[in-house]
Amino acid sequence: MTTTRVAVPRKGRPLEAVLERLAGRTGTTDLADDIISTLRYEKAVTKGNQDAVADVYHRISDYSSLDEPYEPEYTLLRDDRDGMPRRIVFDSVTVPTEHGDVQLVGREEPFRALRTHEFALGFDSADLVLEEVVQLRDEPLTAIHEINDRIDPLDTDVRVVTGLGDTVYHTLLATPDVIDSQDGPLDRAFVTNYEGELCISPRYERLVEAVLGTSALDGVSFTYPTEGGEEEEDIAATGLGVYLTVTGSTARDHGLELGEQLFPSETVLLENAHERTETTKQVASLFEEPEETALQSV
């Protein structure tokens, strides 16, 4: 039987989105729930919010079932932060499907594993694609389906196939004083007419340039949150910023108002077109919603 290997993140929201989407297509909900609950528990242990009865080596031994081909396996990830122990993260699981076995394989950087042709299919955050390979243009990038048009085919064979809908938005935030300094809503046009400082996370600098468009940033200078500080607090001190937000409740606590949702931070299915086969095309279809139309890879 054919086994298709798919690169996935080792932990967090993107991995949960992949597990839930595949479970919905294959009926493996109990398996997905078991992996998700295990990793959430281990995250709580790492953060000191949960006390573990056994040590990390006994726990990983209990979780992993090496003799059962369709049970999950876990591994230890070294945490470089001071005082942080090794953390148990996802390693792999094999799921039987109508298109053969699908093995989800944990990787620290799934997108880069696809770029080096280690996998034909994989999942990663759309943010990472924007940060690494999209071309910066005067016009803003506004949606997931626009990403492929901005990837240089000489740079990588990897393309976005579809999103999983686990959306958190990069959102414009500003204080009332800054908003009142201009007529009109807090949106991309507002930034185009704005001159001054814009507070962002330094790792999102290229992403922000892509989703706002480079022409909108004339007269704008980036500032960055203080280390260990709360980003919304620093945005409030600056007056204008971009931040990932779901409800905006913390932003409002700092006196900020929410503006335009600039771009969805979403888990996306990626394909290395050079490695595409009929089987990988069929496996990719397992991760699409029935009513969705996948993006055409090139």
Protein backbone atom coordinates (compact mmCIF):
# COMPACT_ATOMS: atom_id res chain seq x y z
CA MET A 1 0.00 0.00 0.00
CA THR A 2 1.27 3.48 -0.86
CA THR A 3 2.18 5.76 2.04
CA THR A 4 2.24 9.51 1.41
CA ARG A 5 4.35 11.53 3.83
CA VAL A 6 3.05 14.99 4.73
CA ALA A 7 5.13 17.50 6.71
CA VAL A 8 3.29 19.19 9.60
CA PRO A 9 4.23 21.44 12.53
CA ARG A 10 5.17 19.68 15.73
CA LYS A 11 2.73 21.55 17.97
CA GLY A 12 0.24 24.39 18.24
CA ARG A 13 -2.79 25.66 16.36
CA PRO A 14 -1.56 24.72 12.85
CA LEU A 15 -1.07 21.06 13.81
CA GLU A 16 -4.50 20.97 15.46
CA ALA A 17 -6.09 22.38 12.30
CA VAL A 18 -4.46 19.66 10.17
CA LEU A 19 -5.53 16.88 12.53
CA GLU A 20 -9.11 18.14 12.69
CA ARG A 21 -9.42 18.52 8.91
CA LEU A 22 -8.06 15.00 8.26
CA ALA A 23 -10.22 13.53 11.02
CA GLY A 24 -13.30 15.05 9.41
CA ARG A 25 -12.50 13.21 6.18
CA THR A 26 -11.36 9.87 7.62
CA GLY A 27 -13.44 9.43 10.78
CA THR A 28 -10.37 9.44 13.02
CA THR A 29 -11.76 11.99 15.46
CA ASP A 30 -10.74 10.03 18.57
CA LEU A 31 -7.16 9.84 17.33
CA ALA A 32 -7.02 13.56 16.60
CA ASP A 33 -8.56 14.42 19.97
CA ASP A 34 -6.02 12.21 21.75
CA ILE A 35 -3.05 13.90 20.07
CA ILE A 36 -4.44 17.40 20.63
CA SER A 37 -5.24 16.83 24.30
CA THR A 38 -1.82 15.24 24.92
CA LEU A 39 0.04 18.18 23.39
CA ARG A 40 -2.11 20.74 25.22
CA TYR A 41 -1.36 18.99 28.49
CA GLU A 42 2.37 18.95 27.73
CA LYS A 43 2.27 22.64 26.86
CA ALA A 44 0.64 23.35 30.22
CA VAL A 45 3.34 21.30 31.98
CA THR A 46 6.10 23.19 30.16
CA LYS A 47 4.57 26.55 31.11
CA GLY A 48 4.16 25.49 34.74
CA ASN A 49 0.36 25.56 34.62
CA GLN A 50 0.03 21.81 35.17
CA ASP A 51 1.85 19.42 37.50
CA ALA A 52 3.03 16.15 35.94
CA VAL A 53 2.97 12.97 38.02
CA ALA A 54 5.69 11.15 36.05
CA ASP A 55 8.90 12.55 34.57
CA VAL A 56 9.14 13.45 30.89
CA TYR A 57 10.75 10.15 29.86
CA HIS A 58 8.04 8.03 31.47
CA ARG A 59 5.33 10.22 29.94
CA ILE A 60 6.70 9.94 26.41
CA SER A 61 7.01 6.19 26.85
CA ASP A 62 3.34 6.03 27.83
CA TYR A 63 2.25 8.19 24.90
CA SER A 64 4.15 6.48 22.10
CA SER A 65 3.08 3.09 20.75
CA LEU A 66 5.93 1.92 18.54
CA ASP A 67 4.38 -1.49 18.00
CA GLU A 68 1.06 -0.06 16.75
CA PRO A 69 1.42 1.28 13.18
CA TYR A 70 -1.61 3.58 13.39
CA GLU A 71 -0.93 5.08 16.82
CA PRO A 72 0.89 8.40 17.35
CA GLU A 73 4.54 8.83 18.23
CA TYR A 74 6.08 11.74 20.08
CA THR A 75 9.55 13.15 20.55
CA LEU A 76 11.40 15.53 22.85
CA LEU A 77 12.10 19.06 21.67
CA ARG A 78 14.88 20.94 23.42
CA ASP A 79 13.72 24.33 24.68
CA ASP A 80 16.57 26.85 24.68
CA ARG A 81 14.89 29.29 27.05
CA ASP A 82 16.46 29.57 30.51
CA GLY A 83 14.96 27.17 32.99
CA MET A 84 12.71 25.49 30.45
CA PRO A 85 12.71 21.67 30.31
CA ARG A 86 12.56 19.55 27.20
CA ARG A 87 9.07 19.52 25.78
CA ILE A 88 7.13 16.56 24.39
CA VAL A 89 5.95 17.33 20.84
CA PHE A 90 4.38 15.48 17.95
CA ASP A 91 6.60 13.17 15.87
CA SER A 92 4.34 11.20 13.51
CA VAL A 93 1.13 9.26 12.99
CA THR A 94 -0.14 7.15 10.08
CA VAL A 95 -3.80 7.44 9.09
CA PRO A 96 -5.45 5.00 6.65
CA THR A 97 -7.42 6.79 3.91
CA GLU A 98 -9.15 5.97 0.64
CA HIS A 99 -5.99 7.10 -1.14
CA GLY A 100 -3.61 4.93 0.87
CA ASP A 101 -1.90 5.58 4.17
CA VAL A 102 -1.11 9.20 4.99
CA GLN A 103 1.77 9.68 7.41
CA LEU A 104 1.85 13.06 9.14
CA VAL A 105 5.48 13.80 10.00
CA GLY A 106 6.40 16.53 12.49
CA ARG A 107 8.96 19.08 11.35
CA GLU A 108 10.23 22.27 12.95
CA GLU A 109 10.03 24.05 9.59
CA PRO A 110 7.61 22.23 7.25
CA PHE A 111 7.74 24.94 4.57
CA ARG A 112 11.51 24.69 4.32
CA ALA A 113 11.31 20.89 4.22
CA LEU A 114 9.14 21.22 1.11
CA ARG A 115 11.53 23.75 -0.42
CA THR A 116 14.35 21.17 -0.16
CA HIS A 117 12.14 18.53 -1.83
CA GLU A 118 11.99 16.31 1.28
CA PHE A 119 8.19 16.23 0.95
CA ALA A 120 5.65 16.77 -1.80
CA LEU A 121 2.97 18.03 0.61
CA GLY A 122 3.05 19.89 3.89
CA PHE A 123 1.41 22.46 6.12
CA ASP A 124 2.72 25.67 7.58
CA SER A 125 1.58 29.17 8.41
CA ALA A 126 0.81 31.47 5.50
CA ASP A 127 2.85 34.05 7.45
CA LEU A 128 6.04 32.12 6.82
CA VAL A 129 5.44 32.06 3.08
CA LEU A 130 4.99 35.83 3.09
CA GLU A 131 8.07 36.34 5.23
CA GLU A 132 10.31 34.21 3.01
CA VAL A 133 9.33 34.15 -0.65
CA VAL A 134 6.61 36.57 -1.73
CA GLN A 135 7.65 39.55 -3.83
CA LEU A 136 7.13 42.99 -2.33
CA ARG A 137 5.11 45.30 -4.55
CA ASP A 138 3.49 48.72 -4.35
CA GLU A 139 0.06 47.07 -4.26
CA PRO A 140 -1.03 45.31 -1.06
CA LEU A 141 -1.42 41.54 -0.75
CA THR A 142 -4.91 41.00 0.66
CA ALA A 143 -5.84 37.31 0.49
CA ILE A 144 -4.45 33.77 0.59
CA HIS A 145 -5.35 33.12 -3.06
CA GLU A 146 -3.05 35.97 -4.17
CA ILE A 147 0.12 34.44 -2.70
CA ASN A 148 1.09 32.19 -5.62
CA ASP A 149 1.10 35.12 -8.04
CA ARG A 150 3.86 36.69 -5.96
CA ILE A 151 6.16 33.68 -5.77
CA ASP A 152 9.08 33.71 -8.21
CA PRO A 153 9.20 30.26 -9.89
CA LEU A 154 12.98 30.53 -9.91
CA ASP A 155 12.98 30.90 -6.13
CA THR A 156 10.97 27.83 -5.13
CA ASP A 157 8.73 25.07 -6.51
CA VAL A 158 6.40 25.33 -3.48
CA ARG A 159 2.91 26.76 -3.93
CA VAL A 160 -0.15 27.27 -1.72
CA VAL A 161 -2.98 24.83 -2.44
CA THR A 162 -5.65 25.83 0.09
CA GLY A 163 -6.16 27.27 3.56
CA LEU A 164 -7.63 25.46 6.56
CA GLY A 165 -9.66 28.38 7.87
CA ASP A 166 -8.02 28.53 11.33
CA THR A 167 -7.85 32.26 10.89
CA VAL A 168 -6.34 34.93 13.12
CA TYR A 169 -5.96 38.30 11.44
CA HIS A 170 -3.10 40.75 11.25
CA THR A 171 -5.07 43.85 12.18
CA LEU A 172 -4.45 47.58 12.20
CA LEU A 173 -4.67 49.04 15.70
CA ALA A 174 -4.51 52.70 16.70
CA THR A 175 -5.26 55.11 19.52
CA PRO A 176 -8.26 57.44 19.13
CA ASP A 177 -5.93 60.46 18.91
CA VAL A 178 -4.10 59.04 15.90
CA ILE A 179 -7.37 58.03 14.22
CA ASP A 180 -8.80 61.51 14.78
CA SER A 181 -5.76 63.05 13.11
CA GLN A 182 -7.14 61.97 9.75
CA ASP A 183 -10.55 61.77 8.15
CA GLY A 184 -11.78 58.30 7.23
CA PRO A 185 -11.59 54.78 8.61
CA LEU A 186 -8.53 52.98 9.98
CA ASP A 187 -7.54 51.03 6.88
CA ARG A 188 -4.76 50.75 4.31
CA ALA A 189 -5.64 54.16 2.88
CA PHE A 190 -5.19 55.60 6.37
CA VAL A 191 -1.63 54.27 6.45
CA THR A 192 -0.96 55.68 2.98
CA ASN A 193 -1.77 59.17 4.27
CA TYR A 194 0.01 58.66 7.60
CA GLU A 195 3.50 59.80 8.44
CA GLY A 196 5.16 58.60 11.60
CA GLU A 197 5.94 55.45 13.54
CA LEU A 198 4.24 52.08 13.07
CA CYS A 199 4.81 49.45 15.78
CA ILE A 200 5.17 45.84 14.60
CA SER A 201 6.86 42.63 15.66
CA PRO A 202 10.31 42.59 14.00
CA ARG A 203 9.74 39.11 12.57
CA TYR A 204 6.72 40.42 10.64
CA GLU A 205 8.47 43.33 8.92
CA ARG A 206 8.45 41.78 5.45
CA LEU A 207 4.91 40.46 5.95
CA VAL A 208 3.64 43.93 6.90
CA GLU A 209 5.38 45.43 3.86
CA ALA A 210 3.63 42.84 1.65
CA VAL A 211 0.11 43.23 3.07
CA LEU A 212 0.17 47.03 3.24
CA GLY A 213 2.05 47.50 -0.02
CA THR A 214 5.34 49.30 -0.18
CA SER A 215 3.84 52.54 -1.55
CA ALA A 216 1.70 52.89 1.60
CA LEU A 217 4.82 52.95 3.77
CA ASP A 218 6.37 56.13 2.38
CA GLY A 219 6.93 58.39 5.38
CA VAL A 220 6.42 55.49 7.81
CA SER A 221 9.14 54.12 10.10
CA PHE A 222 8.88 50.83 11.98
CA THR A 223 9.30 50.59 15.73
CA TYR A 224 9.35 47.35 17.70
CA PRO A 225 7.93 46.20 21.04
CA THR A 226 10.23 46.17 24.03
CA GLU A 227 11.57 42.75 24.93
CA GLY A 228 9.28 40.98 27.36
CA GLY A 229 6.62 43.66 27.08
CA GLU A 230 3.01 43.37 25.93
CA GLU A 231 2.81 44.26 22.26
CA GLU A 232 -0.55 46.04 22.49
CA GLU A 233 0.88 48.28 25.21
CA ASP A 234 3.78 49.27 22.96
CA ILE A 235 1.42 49.89 20.04
CA ALA A 236 -0.63 52.17 22.28
CA ALA A 237 2.53 54.08 23.22
CA THR A 238 3.41 54.43 19.51
CA GLY A 239 -0.14 55.27 18.44
CA LEU A 240 -0.41 52.93 15.43
CA GLY A 241 0.55 49.33 14.84
CA VAL A 242 -0.22 45.93 13.35
CA TYR A 243 -0.90 42.93 15.57
CA LEU A 244 -2.40 39.45 15.42
CA THR A 245 -5.79 39.53 17.10
CA VAL A 246 -8.90 37.40 17.47
CA THR A 247 -11.35 39.46 19.54
CA GLY A 248 -9.29 42.59 20.21
CA SER A 249 -10.20 42.58 23.90
CA THR A 250 -6.61 43.09 25.08
CA ALA A 251 -6.12 45.87 22.54
CA ARG A 252 -9.20 47.66 23.86
CA ASP A 253 -7.86 47.29 27.40
CA HIS A 254 -4.96 49.49 26.26
CA GLY A 255 -7.24 52.07 24.69
CA LEU A 256 -6.71 50.88 21.12
CA GLU A 257 -9.33 50.74 18.40
CA LEU A 258 -9.43 47.95 15.82
CA GLY A 259 -9.13 48.83 12.16
CA GLU A 260 -8.94 46.83 8.94
CA GLN A 261 -8.11 43.13 9.04
CA LEU A 262 -5.12 43.17 6.74
CA PHE A 263 -4.35 39.51 6.18
CA PRO A 264 -5.36 36.10 7.57
CA SER A 265 -2.71 34.26 9.57
CA GLU A 266 -3.89 30.84 8.46
CA THR A 267 -2.52 27.32 8.18
CA VAL A 268 -2.12 26.48 4.50
CA LEU A 269 -1.59 23.28 2.55
CA LEU A 270 1.59 23.58 0.49
CA GLU A 271 2.73 21.50 -2.47
CA ASN A 272 6.11 21.15 -4.12
CA ALA A 273 4.96 21.04 -7.73
CA HIS A 274 8.13 19.27 -8.83
CA GLU A 275 7.24 16.31 -6.57
CA ARG A 276 3.57 16.11 -7.56
CA THR A 277 2.11 12.70 -8.46
CA GLU A 278 -1.42 11.46 -9.02
CA THR A 279 -1.39 10.05 -5.47
CA THR A 280 -0.27 13.33 -3.87
CA LYS A 281 -3.02 15.14 -5.79
CA GLN A 282 -5.57 12.71 -4.33
CA VAL A 283 -4.14 13.06 -0.81
CA ALA A 284 -4.25 16.85 -1.12
CA SER A 285 -7.97 16.61 -1.85
CA LEU A 286 -8.49 15.11 1.63
CA PHE A 287 -7.67 18.47 3.16
CA GLU A 288 -10.05 20.55 1.06
CA GLU A 289 -13.54 21.46 2.16
CA PRO A 290 -16.08 19.97 -0.27
CA GLU A 291 -17.39 23.40 -1.23
CA GLU A 292 -13.95 24.95 -1.58
CA THR A 293 -12.02 25.22 -4.79
CA ALA A 294 -8.31 24.67 -4.32
CA LEU A 295 -5.87 27.09 -5.81
CA GLN A 296 -4.25 25.88 -9.01
CA SER A 297 -0.61 25.10 -8.43
CA VAL A 298 1.90 25.97 -11.09
